[in-house]
Amino acid sequence: MKKSLSEIHEYWKQNSHPEKYNLKTERSSFLLSYVEKYIQPNERILEIGCNVGRNLHHLYQNDYKELTGIEISQEAVEQLHKVYPELAENTDIIHAPVESVLKHMERDHYDLVFTMAVLEHIHPDSEWIFNHIARITKSYLITLEAETDEHWRIFPRNYRDIFEGLGFKQVEQSTGESIKLPKYTLRIFKKN
């Protein structure tokens, strides 16, 4: 059964499962291996849907300090402050739905924007955010998303088609098989 945008938001506000999210450190290491190929530690990075901050913390521990995260779940943000207090103190964590944040961000502000299993949950009514992701990204975009699954809270999309249509060129593609996400596609895009 299809759900509305507000129902999807309410679900993620209540069901972010930060206790489970924080355990999957191999996923953060996988992400870091790609970030290091394209981005220097002094460049600005935004994670959309940072949950408890595991990925941001991993980047922070590896000398990436210009970090921002957006997270809809209050519980996840509270856990981030408890589990990673240094990260929380030194990182801009925005607690809000992505739809209310991206449209206010500056053009080409982030050298890298990345998502991990987040865009797949963006309701079709909010697909306009892809334009804003393209607008605020200065150099690189990384997506690791389930592109073919379909569920009441997962919306299948081909992110290559979307972001190449918005002025990016895909420079790398892989699967999430090595991190036990075989149905996920990793895409690295460079802004033209």
N, C-alpha and C. Protein backbone atom coordinates (compact mmCIF):
# COMPACT_ATOMS: atom_id res chain seq x y z
N MET A 1 0.85 -1.18 0.00
CA MET A 1 0.00 0.00 0.00
C MET A 1 0.89 1.25 0.00
N LYS A 2 0.61 2.18 -0.89
CA LYS A 2 1.39 3.41 -0.97
C LYS A 2 1.09 4.31 0.22
N LYS A 3 2.12 4.98 0.66
CA LYS A 3 2.00 5.90 1.80
C LYS A 3 2.24 7.33 1.31
N SER A 4 1.72 8.27 2.06
CA SER A 4 1.90 9.68 1.73
C SER A 4 3.28 10.15 2.20
N LEU A 5 3.66 11.32 1.74
CA LEU A 5 4.92 11.92 2.17
C LEU A 5 4.95 12.08 3.69
N SER A 6 3.88 12.56 4.28
CA SER A 6 3.86 12.76 5.74
C SER A 6 3.94 11.42 6.48
N GLU A 7 3.34 10.37 5.94
CA GLU A 7 3.45 9.05 6.57
C GLU A 7 4.88 8.52 6.50
N ILE A 8 5.54 8.76 5.39
CA ILE A 8 6.95 8.35 5.25
C ILE A 8 7.81 9.11 6.26
N HIS A 9 7.60 10.41 6.38
CA HIS A 9 8.35 11.21 7.35
C HIS A 9 8.12 10.70 8.77
N GLU A 10 6.87 10.47 9.13
CA GLU A 10 6.55 9.99 10.47
C GLU A 10 7.22 8.64 10.75
N TYR A 11 7.21 7.77 9.76
CA TYR A 11 7.86 6.47 9.94
C TYR A 11 9.34 6.67 10.29
N TRP A 12 10.06 7.50 9.51
CA TRP A 12 11.49 7.66 9.74
C TRP A 12 11.80 8.47 11.00
N LYS A 13 10.89 9.31 11.42
CA LYS A 13 11.11 10.01 12.69
C LYS A 13 11.08 9.03 13.85
N GLN A 14 10.28 7.97 13.72
CA GLN A 14 10.09 7.01 14.81
C GLN A 14 10.89 5.71 14.65
N ASN A 15 11.42 5.44 13.46
CA ASN A 15 12.02 4.13 13.19
C ASN A 15 13.41 4.21 12.56
N SER A 16 14.26 5.04 13.09
CA SER A 16 15.59 5.18 12.51
C SER A 16 16.55 4.08 12.99
N HIS A 17 16.21 3.41 14.07
CA HIS A 17 17.01 2.31 14.63
C HIS A 17 18.50 2.66 14.78
N PRO A 18 18.82 3.73 15.50
CA PRO A 18 20.23 4.11 15.60
C PRO A 18 21.11 3.04 16.25
N GLU A 19 20.52 2.21 17.11
CA GLU A 19 21.31 1.16 17.77
C GLU A 19 21.81 0.12 16.77
N LYS A 20 21.05 -0.14 15.72
CA LYS A 20 21.47 -1.09 14.67
C LYS A 20 22.41 -0.41 13.67
N TYR A 21 22.09 0.80 13.32
CA TYR A 21 22.85 1.55 12.32
C TYR A 21 24.30 1.70 12.75
N ASN A 22 24.52 1.91 14.02
CA ASN A 22 25.85 2.20 14.52
C ASN A 22 26.79 1.00 14.44
N LEU A 23 26.26 -0.21 14.28
CA LEU A 23 27.09 -1.42 14.28
C LEU A 23 27.74 -1.72 12.94
N LYS A 24 27.28 -1.16 11.88
CA LYS A 24 27.72 -1.54 10.53
C LYS A 24 28.94 -0.74 10.08
N THR A 25 30.03 -0.84 10.82
CA THR A 25 31.22 -0.03 10.55
C THR A 25 31.91 -0.39 9.24
N GLU A 26 31.72 -1.63 8.75
CA GLU A 26 32.34 -2.00 7.47
C GLU A 26 31.77 -1.15 6.34
N ARG A 27 30.55 -0.69 6.50
CA ARG A 27 29.95 0.17 5.48
C ARG A 27 30.62 1.54 5.46
N SER A 28 30.98 2.03 6.64
CA SER A 28 31.67 3.32 6.71
C SER A 28 33.08 3.21 6.14
N SER A 29 33.75 2.10 6.37
CA SER A 29 35.09 1.88 5.79
C SER A 29 35.01 1.81 4.27
N PHE A 30 33.99 1.13 3.76
CA PHE A 30 33.74 1.03 2.33
C PHE A 30 33.56 2.43 1.74
N LEU A 31 32.74 3.24 2.37
CA LEU A 31 32.51 4.60 1.92
C LEU A 31 33.81 5.40 1.92
N LEU A 32 34.56 5.31 3.02
CA LEU A 32 35.81 6.06 3.15
C LEU A 32 36.77 5.74 2.01
N SER A 33 36.83 4.48 1.60
CA SER A 33 37.76 4.10 0.52
C SER A 33 37.45 4.87 -0.76
N TYR A 34 36.19 5.20 -0.99
CA TYR A 34 35.82 5.99 -2.17
C TYR A 34 36.00 7.48 -1.93
N VAL A 35 35.65 7.95 -0.76
CA VAL A 35 35.81 9.38 -0.45
C VAL A 35 37.27 9.78 -0.59
N GLU A 36 38.17 8.94 -0.09
CA GLU A 36 39.60 9.26 -0.14
C GLU A 36 40.13 9.38 -1.57
N LYS A 37 39.50 8.72 -2.52
CA LYS A 37 39.95 8.79 -3.91
C LYS A 37 39.63 10.14 -4.55
N TYR A 38 38.62 10.82 -4.04
CA TYR A 38 38.12 12.01 -4.72
C TYR A 38 38.16 13.30 -3.90
N ILE A 39 38.22 13.20 -2.60
CA ILE A 39 38.06 14.39 -1.74
C ILE A 39 39.22 14.50 -0.75
N GLN A 40 39.72 15.71 -0.60
CA GLN A 40 40.78 15.99 0.37
C GLN A 40 40.15 16.27 1.75
N PRO A 41 40.90 16.00 2.82
CA PRO A 41 40.33 16.20 4.17
C PRO A 41 39.84 17.61 4.48
N ASN A 42 40.36 18.63 3.81
CA ASN A 42 39.94 20.01 4.12
C ASN A 42 38.71 20.44 3.32
N GLU A 43 38.12 19.55 2.52
CA GLU A 43 36.97 19.92 1.71
C GLU A 43 35.66 19.63 2.45
N ARG A 44 34.60 20.33 2.04
CA ARG A 44 33.30 20.23 2.72
C ARG A 44 32.50 19.03 2.24
N ILE A 45 31.94 18.30 3.22
CA ILE A 45 31.18 17.09 2.94
C ILE A 45 29.83 17.16 3.64
N LEU A 46 28.78 16.76 2.92
CA LEU A 46 27.43 16.67 3.48
C LEU A 46 26.93 15.24 3.34
N GLU A 47 26.43 14.68 4.44
CA GLU A 47 25.72 13.41 4.38
C GLU A 47 24.24 13.69 4.57
N ILE A 48 23.45 13.25 3.61
CA ILE A 48 22.00 13.36 3.72
C ILE A 48 21.49 12.07 4.35
N GLY A 49 20.85 12.20 5.52
CA GLY A 49 20.36 11.04 6.26
C GLY A 49 21.47 10.40 7.06
N CYS A 50 22.07 11.14 7.98
CA CYS A 50 23.26 10.66 8.69
C CYS A 50 22.95 9.73 9.85
N ASN A 51 21.69 9.59 10.24
CA ASN A 51 21.30 8.74 11.35
C ASN A 51 22.15 9.11 12.57
N VAL A 52 22.73 8.14 13.25
CA VAL A 52 23.49 8.39 14.48
C VAL A 52 24.90 8.93 14.18
N GLY A 53 25.27 9.03 12.92
CA GLY A 53 26.54 9.66 12.57
C GLY A 53 27.70 8.71 12.36
N ARG A 54 27.43 7.44 12.17
CA ARG A 54 28.52 6.47 12.01
C ARG A 54 29.44 6.83 10.85
N ASN A 55 28.88 7.15 9.70
CA ASN A 55 29.72 7.49 8.54
C ASN A 55 30.50 8.78 8.79
N LEU A 56 29.83 9.79 9.32
CA LEU A 56 30.50 11.05 9.61
C LEU A 56 31.62 10.86 10.63
N HIS A 57 31.36 10.05 11.64
CA HIS A 57 32.39 9.77 12.65
C HIS A 57 33.60 9.10 12.02
N HIS A 58 33.36 8.15 11.14
CA HIS A 58 34.46 7.45 10.47
C HIS A 58 35.28 8.45 9.63
N LEU A 59 34.61 9.33 8.93
CA LEU A 59 35.32 10.36 8.18
C LEU A 59 36.09 11.28 9.13
N TYR A 60 35.45 11.68 10.22
CA TYR A 60 36.08 12.57 11.20
C TYR A 60 37.36 11.95 11.77
N GLN A 61 37.29 10.66 12.08
CA GLN A 61 38.45 9.94 12.62
C GLN A 61 39.57 9.82 11.59
N ASN A 62 39.26 10.03 10.33
CA ASN A 62 40.25 9.95 9.26
C ASN A 62 40.56 11.33 8.68
N ASP A 63 40.49 12.34 9.55
CA ASP A 63 40.94 13.71 9.27
C ASP A 63 40.01 14.55 8.40
N TYR A 64 38.81 14.08 8.13
CA TYR A 64 37.82 14.92 7.45
C TYR A 64 37.06 15.69 8.52
N LYS A 65 37.21 17.00 8.53
CA LYS A 65 36.64 17.80 9.62
C LYS A 65 35.55 18.77 9.17
N GLU A 66 35.42 19.01 7.88
CA GLU A 66 34.42 19.96 7.37
C GLU A 66 33.14 19.18 7.03
N LEU A 67 32.44 18.73 8.05
CA LEU A 67 31.33 17.80 7.89
C LEU A 67 29.99 18.41 8.30
N THR A 68 28.96 18.03 7.56
CA THR A 68 27.58 18.40 7.89
C THR A 68 26.72 17.16 7.69
N GLY A 69 25.73 17.00 8.56
CA GLY A 69 24.78 15.90 8.40
C GLY A 69 23.36 16.42 8.54
N ILE A 70 22.46 15.79 7.80
CA ILE A 70 21.03 16.09 7.91
C ILE A 70 20.36 14.80 8.38
N GLU A 71 19.50 14.91 9.39
CA GLU A 71 18.81 13.73 9.92
C GLU A 71 17.41 14.11 10.40
N ILE A 72 16.43 13.32 10.01
CA ILE A 72 15.02 13.57 10.35
C ILE A 72 14.67 13.07 11.76
N SER A 73 15.37 12.07 12.27
CA SER A 73 15.01 11.42 13.54
C SER A 73 15.66 12.11 14.75
N GLN A 74 14.82 12.58 15.65
CA GLN A 74 15.32 13.18 16.89
C GLN A 74 16.10 12.15 17.72
N GLU A 75 15.60 10.92 17.77
CA GLU A 75 16.28 9.86 18.52
C GLU A 75 17.69 9.63 17.98
N ALA A 76 17.84 9.59 16.67
CA ALA A 76 19.17 9.39 16.07
C ALA A 76 20.10 10.55 16.39
N VAL A 77 19.59 11.78 16.32
CA VAL A 77 20.41 12.95 16.63
C VAL A 77 20.83 12.94 18.10
N GLU A 78 19.92 12.57 18.98
CA GLU A 78 20.27 12.47 20.41
C GLU A 78 21.34 11.41 20.64
N GLN A 79 21.21 10.27 19.96
CA GLN A 79 22.22 9.22 20.08
C GLN A 79 23.57 9.67 19.52
N LEU A 80 23.55 10.42 18.43
CA LEU A 80 24.79 10.95 17.88
C LEU A 80 25.53 11.78 18.93
N HIS A 81 24.80 12.63 19.63
CA HIS A 81 25.42 13.47 20.66
C HIS A 81 25.99 12.63 21.81
N LYS A 82 25.33 11.52 22.13
CA LYS A 82 25.81 10.65 23.22
C LYS A 82 26.98 9.77 22.78
N VAL A 83 26.87 9.17 21.61
CA VAL A 83 27.86 8.20 21.15
C VAL A 83 29.11 8.88 20.60
N TYR A 84 28.94 10.00 19.91
CA TYR A 84 30.07 10.71 19.28
C TYR A 84 30.08 12.18 19.72
N PRO A 85 30.34 12.45 21.01
CA PRO A 85 30.25 13.84 21.48
C PRO A 85 31.23 14.79 20.79
N GLU A 86 32.43 14.32 20.46
CA GLU A 86 33.39 15.20 19.79
C GLU A 86 32.91 15.54 18.38
N LEU A 87 32.39 14.55 17.69
CA LEU A 87 31.83 14.78 16.36
C LEU A 87 30.68 15.79 16.45
N ALA A 88 29.78 15.57 17.40
CA ALA A 88 28.61 16.45 17.57
C ALA A 88 29.03 17.89 17.84
N GLU A 89 30.08 18.05 18.62
CA GLU A 89 30.55 19.39 18.97
C GLU A 89 31.20 20.11 17.79
N ASN A 90 31.80 19.34 16.88
CA ASN A 90 32.59 19.92 15.79
C ASN A 90 31.97 19.77 14.40
N THR A 91 30.74 19.34 14.35
CA THR A 91 30.06 19.09 13.08
C THR A 91 28.70 19.77 13.10
N ASP A 92 28.27 20.22 11.96
CA ASP A 92 26.94 20.83 11.84
C ASP A 92 25.93 19.71 11.58
N ILE A 93 25.13 19.38 12.59
CA ILE A 93 24.10 18.35 12.46
C ILE A 93 22.75 19.07 12.40
N ILE A 94 22.05 18.88 11.30
CA ILE A 94 20.77 19.55 11.08
C ILE A 94 19.66 18.54 11.29
N HIS A 95 18.83 18.78 12.30
CA HIS A 95 17.71 17.89 12.58
C HIS A 95 16.47 18.42 11.89
N ALA A 96 16.15 17.83 10.74
CA ALA A 96 14.98 18.27 9.96
C ALA A 96 14.80 17.32 8.78
N PRO A 97 13.61 17.31 8.18
CA PRO A 97 13.44 16.58 6.92
C PRO A 97 14.29 17.25 5.84
N VAL A 98 14.88 16.46 4.99
CA VAL A 98 15.75 16.99 3.94
C VAL A 98 15.02 18.00 3.06
N GLU A 99 13.73 17.80 2.87
CA GLU A 99 12.95 18.71 2.02
C GLU A 99 12.95 20.14 2.55
N SER A 100 13.04 20.31 3.86
CA SER A 100 12.99 21.66 4.43
C SER A 100 14.38 22.30 4.54
N VAL A 101 15.42 21.55 4.22
CA VAL A 101 16.79 22.06 4.41
C VAL A 101 17.48 22.40 3.09
N LEU A 102 17.44 21.47 2.13
CA LEU A 102 18.25 21.63 0.92
C LEU A 102 17.97 22.91 0.14
N LYS A 103 16.71 23.30 0.08
CA LYS A 103 16.36 24.47 -0.74
C LYS A 103 16.96 25.77 -0.20
N HIS A 104 17.44 25.75 1.05
CA HIS A 104 18.03 26.95 1.66
C HIS A 104 19.56 26.94 1.63
N MET A 105 20.15 25.87 1.11
CA MET A 105 21.61 25.77 1.09
C MET A 105 22.18 26.47 -0.15
N GLU A 106 23.42 26.94 -0.02
CA GLU A 106 24.07 27.69 -1.09
C GLU A 106 24.48 26.78 -2.25
N ARG A 107 24.44 27.34 -3.44
CA ARG A 107 24.91 26.64 -4.65
C ARG A 107 26.39 26.27 -4.49
N ASP A 108 26.75 25.08 -4.93
CA ASP A 108 28.14 24.60 -4.94
C ASP A 108 28.83 24.71 -3.58
N HIS A 109 28.07 24.56 -2.51
CA HIS A 109 28.63 24.72 -1.16
C HIS A 109 29.45 23.51 -0.71
N TYR A 110 29.05 22.31 -1.11
CA TYR A 110 29.73 21.09 -0.64
C TYR A 110 30.55 20.47 -1.76
N ASP A 111 31.81 20.16 -1.43
CA ASP A 111 32.68 19.48 -2.40
C ASP A 111 32.18 18.07 -2.67
N LEU A 112 31.58 17.46 -1.66
CA LEU A 112 31.01 16.13 -1.79
C LEU A 112 29.69 16.07 -1.03
N VAL A 113 28.68 15.51 -1.68
CA VAL A 113 27.42 15.15 -1.02
C VAL A 113 27.30 13.66 -1.18
N PHE A 114 26.91 12.96 -0.08
CA PHE A 114 26.73 11.52 -0.22
C PHE A 114 25.50 11.04 0.54
N THR A 115 24.99 9.89 0.05
CA THR A 115 23.86 9.23 0.69
C THR A 115 24.13 7.74 0.74
N MET A 116 23.64 7.11 1.77
CA MET A 116 23.75 5.66 1.91
C MET A 116 22.40 5.14 2.36
N ALA A 117 21.67 4.53 1.44
CA ALA A 117 20.35 3.95 1.72
C ALA A 117 19.38 5.01 2.26
N VAL A 118 19.37 6.17 1.62
CA VAL A 118 18.49 7.26 2.03
C VAL A 118 17.61 7.75 0.88
N LEU A 119 18.22 7.98 -0.28
CA LEU A 119 17.43 8.49 -1.41
C LEU A 119 16.34 7.51 -1.82
N GLU A 120 16.56 6.24 -1.60
CA GLU A 120 15.56 5.22 -1.93
C GLU A 120 14.26 5.42 -1.15
N HIS A 121 14.34 6.14 -0.03
CA HIS A 121 13.17 6.39 0.80
C HIS A 121 12.50 7.74 0.51
N ILE A 122 13.06 8.49 -0.43
CA ILE A 122 12.47 9.78 -0.77
C ILE A 122 11.16 9.55 -1.54
N HIS A 123 10.09 10.07 -1.00
CA HIS A 123 8.76 9.91 -1.59
C HIS A 123 8.74 10.56 -2.99
N PRO A 124 8.01 9.99 -3.93
CA PRO A 124 7.92 10.60 -5.28
C PRO A 124 7.49 12.07 -5.26
N ASP A 125 6.70 12.47 -4.27
CA ASP A 125 6.30 13.88 -4.18
C ASP A 125 7.48 14.80 -3.87
N SER A 126 8.59 14.22 -3.42
CA SER A 126 9.76 15.02 -3.05
C SER A 126 10.93 14.86 -4.01
N GLU A 127 10.69 14.31 -5.17
CA GLU A 127 11.80 14.11 -6.11
C GLU A 127 12.45 15.43 -6.55
N TRP A 128 11.80 16.55 -6.30
CA TRP A 128 12.39 17.85 -6.60
C TRP A 128 13.68 18.09 -5.83
N ILE A 129 13.89 17.33 -4.74
CA ILE A 129 15.14 17.54 -3.96
C ILE A 129 16.37 17.16 -4.78
N PHE A 130 16.24 16.29 -5.79
CA PHE A 130 17.40 15.91 -6.59
C PHE A 130 17.99 17.13 -7.29
N ASN A 131 17.14 18.05 -7.71
CA ASN A 131 17.63 19.31 -8.29
C ASN A 131 18.47 20.10 -7.29
N HIS A 132 18.03 20.10 -6.04
CA HIS A 132 18.77 20.84 -5.01
C HIS A 132 20.06 20.12 -4.63
N ILE A 133 20.04 18.80 -4.62
CA ILE A 133 21.29 18.06 -4.38
C ILE A 133 22.30 18.44 -5.46
N ALA A 134 21.87 18.46 -6.70
CA ALA A 134 22.76 18.85 -7.81
C ALA A 134 23.25 20.29 -7.64
N ARG A 135 22.36 21.17 -7.20
CA ARG A 135 22.70 22.59 -7.06
C ARG A 135 23.74 22.83 -5.98
N ILE A 136 23.63 22.15 -4.84
CA ILE A 136 24.54 22.42 -3.71
C ILE A 136 25.85 21.66 -3.80
N THR A 137 25.95 20.69 -4.73
CA THR A 137 27.15 19.89 -4.88
C THR A 137 28.11 20.60 -5.83
N LYS A 138 29.32 20.84 -5.33
CA LYS A 138 30.33 21.54 -6.14
C LYS A 138 31.10 20.58 -7.04
N SER A 139 31.48 19.40 -6.51
CA SER A 139 32.36 18.52 -7.27
C SER A 139 31.85 17.09 -7.42
N TYR A 140 31.63 16.40 -6.30
CA TYR A 140 31.30 14.97 -6.35
C TYR A 140 30.04 14.64 -5.57
N LEU A 141 29.38 13.59 -6.06
CA LEU A 141 28.19 13.04 -5.42
C LEU A 141 28.36 11.53 -5.37
N ILE A 142 28.13 10.94 -4.21
CA ILE A 142 28.18 9.49 -4.05
C ILE A 142 26.81 9.02 -3.58
N THR A 143 26.27 8.03 -4.29
CA THR A 143 25.02 7.40 -3.85
C THR A 143 25.27 5.91 -3.69
N LEU A 144 24.79 5.35 -2.61
CA LEU A 144 24.77 3.90 -2.39
C LEU A 144 23.33 3.58 -2.04
N GLU A 145 22.57 3.13 -3.04
CA GLU A 145 21.13 3.00 -2.90
C GLU A 145 20.61 1.71 -3.53
N ALA A 146 19.52 1.21 -2.99
CA ALA A 146 18.79 0.10 -3.62
C ALA A 146 17.98 0.71 -4.75
N GLU A 147 18.33 0.39 -5.98
CA GLU A 147 17.70 1.04 -7.13
C GLU A 147 16.55 0.25 -7.73
N THR A 148 16.44 -1.03 -7.39
CA THR A 148 15.40 -1.85 -8.03
C THR A 148 14.37 -2.40 -7.05
N ASP A 149 14.66 -2.36 -5.76
CA ASP A 149 13.69 -2.83 -4.78
C ASP A 149 12.48 -1.91 -4.74
N GLU A 150 11.36 -2.46 -4.35
CA GLU A 150 10.15 -1.65 -4.22
C GLU A 150 9.40 -2.13 -2.99
N HIS A 151 8.95 -1.17 -2.20
CA HIS A 151 8.30 -1.44 -0.92
C HIS A 151 7.50 -0.18 -0.61
N TRP A 152 6.66 -0.22 0.39
CA TRP A 152 5.88 0.99 0.66
C TRP A 152 6.76 2.16 1.08
N ARG A 153 7.99 1.88 1.49
CA ARG A 153 8.90 2.96 1.87
C ARG A 153 10.20 2.96 1.07
N ILE A 154 10.24 2.19 -0.02
CA ILE A 154 11.39 2.18 -0.93
C ILE A 154 10.87 2.42 -2.34
N PHE A 155 11.45 3.43 -2.98
CA PHE A 155 11.00 3.84 -4.30
C PHE A 155 12.13 3.61 -5.31
N PRO A 156 11.96 2.67 -6.24
CA PRO A 156 13.05 2.37 -7.18
C PRO A 156 13.32 3.51 -8.15
N ARG A 157 14.62 3.77 -8.37
CA ARG A 157 15.05 4.82 -9.30
C ARG A 157 16.44 4.48 -9.82
N ASN A 158 16.75 4.94 -11.00
CA ASN A 158 18.10 4.83 -11.54
C ASN A 158 18.78 6.17 -11.31
N TYR A 159 19.71 6.21 -10.36
CA TYR A 159 20.34 7.48 -9.99
C TYR A 159 21.30 7.98 -11.05
N ARG A 160 21.80 7.08 -11.90
CA ARG A 160 22.62 7.55 -13.02
C ARG A 160 21.77 8.40 -13.95
N ASP A 161 20.60 7.90 -14.31
CA ASP A 161 19.71 8.66 -15.18
C ASP A 161 19.36 10.01 -14.56
N ILE A 162 19.05 9.99 -13.28
CA ILE A 162 18.63 11.22 -12.60
C ILE A 162 19.75 12.25 -12.59
N PHE A 163 20.94 11.86 -12.08
CA PHE A 163 21.98 12.86 -11.87
C PHE A 163 22.75 13.21 -13.14
N GLU A 164 22.82 12.30 -14.10
CA GLU A 164 23.41 12.70 -15.38
C GLU A 164 22.48 13.69 -16.09
N GLY A 165 21.19 13.57 -15.84
CA GLY A 165 20.24 14.54 -16.38
C GLY A 165 20.32 15.90 -15.69
N LEU A 166 21.04 15.95 -14.56
CA LEU A 166 21.17 17.20 -13.80
C LEU A 166 22.59 17.76 -13.85
N GLY A 167 23.36 17.33 -14.85
CA GLY A 167 24.68 17.94 -15.05
C GLY A 167 25.85 17.19 -14.43
N PHE A 168 25.69 15.94 -14.09
CA PHE A 168 26.79 15.14 -13.55
C PHE A 168 27.20 14.07 -14.56
N LYS A 169 28.41 13.57 -14.40
CA LYS A 169 28.88 12.42 -15.19
C LYS A 169 29.25 11.32 -14.20
N GLN A 170 28.73 10.13 -14.42
CA GLN A 170 29.11 9.01 -13.56
C GLN A 170 30.54 8.61 -13.89
N VAL A 171 31.41 8.55 -12.86
CA VAL A 171 32.81 8.20 -13.06
C VAL A 171 33.16 6.83 -12.50
N GLU A 172 32.27 6.27 -11.69
CA GLU A 172 32.54 4.96 -11.12
C GLU A 172 31.22 4.32 -10.68
N GLN A 173 31.19 2.99 -10.76
CA GLN A 173 30.01 2.23 -10.31
C GLN A 173 30.49 0.91 -9.72
N SER A 174 29.82 0.48 -8.66
CA SER A 174 30.14 -0.79 -8.01
C SER A 174 28.88 -1.30 -7.34
N THR A 175 28.98 -2.48 -6.75
CA THR A 175 27.86 -3.00 -5.97
C THR A 175 28.23 -2.94 -4.50
N GLY A 176 27.23 -3.14 -3.66
CA GLY A 176 27.47 -3.19 -2.22
C GLY A 176 27.70 -4.61 -1.73
N GLU A 177 28.02 -5.51 -2.64
CA GLU A 177 28.17 -6.92 -2.28
C GLU A 177 29.21 -7.15 -1.19
N SER A 178 30.32 -6.43 -1.24
CA SER A 178 31.40 -6.64 -0.26
C SER A 178 30.99 -6.21 1.16
N ILE A 179 29.92 -5.43 1.26
CA ILE A 179 29.45 -5.01 2.59
C ILE A 179 28.06 -5.58 2.87
N LYS A 180 27.77 -6.71 2.23
CA LYS A 180 26.53 -7.45 2.44
C LYS A 180 25.29 -6.66 2.02
N LEU A 181 25.45 -5.84 0.97
CA LEU A 181 24.34 -5.11 0.38
C LEU A 181 24.32 -5.40 -1.12
N PRO A 182 24.10 -6.66 -1.50
CA PRO A 182 24.23 -7.03 -2.91
C PRO A 182 23.22 -6.36 -3.84
N LYS A 183 22.10 -5.91 -3.32
CA LYS A 183 21.10 -5.25 -4.16
C LYS A 183 21.33 -3.75 -4.28
N TYR A 184 22.41 -3.26 -3.67
CA TYR A 184 22.69 -1.83 -3.68
C TYR A 184 23.71 -1.49 -4.76
N THR A 185 23.54 -0.31 -5.33
CA THR A 185 24.46 0.18 -6.36
C THR A 185 25.16 1.42 -5.83
N LEU A 186 26.49 1.39 -5.88
CA LEU A 186 27.30 2.55 -5.55
C LEU A 186 27.58 3.30 -6.84
N ARG A 187 27.32 4.59 -6.83
CA ARG A 187 27.63 5.42 -7.99
C ARG A 187 28.41 6.65 -7.52
N ILE A 188 29.46 6.97 -8.26
CA ILE A 188 30.23 8.18 -8.00
C ILE A 188 30.01 9.09 -9.20
N PHE A 189 29.59 10.32 -8.93
CA PHE A 189 29.34 11.29 -9.99
C PHE A 189 30.27 12.50 -9.82
N LYS A 190 30.70 13.05 -10.92
CA LYS A 190 31.46 14.31 -10.92
C LYS A 190 30.60 15.34 -11.62
N LYS A 191 30.54 16.53 -11.03
CA LYS A 191 29.76 17.61 -11.64
C LYS A 191 30.48 18.12 -12.86
N ASN A 192 29.75 18.30 -13.95
CA ASN A 192 30.35 18.83 -15.18
C ASN A 192 30.65 20.31 -15.05
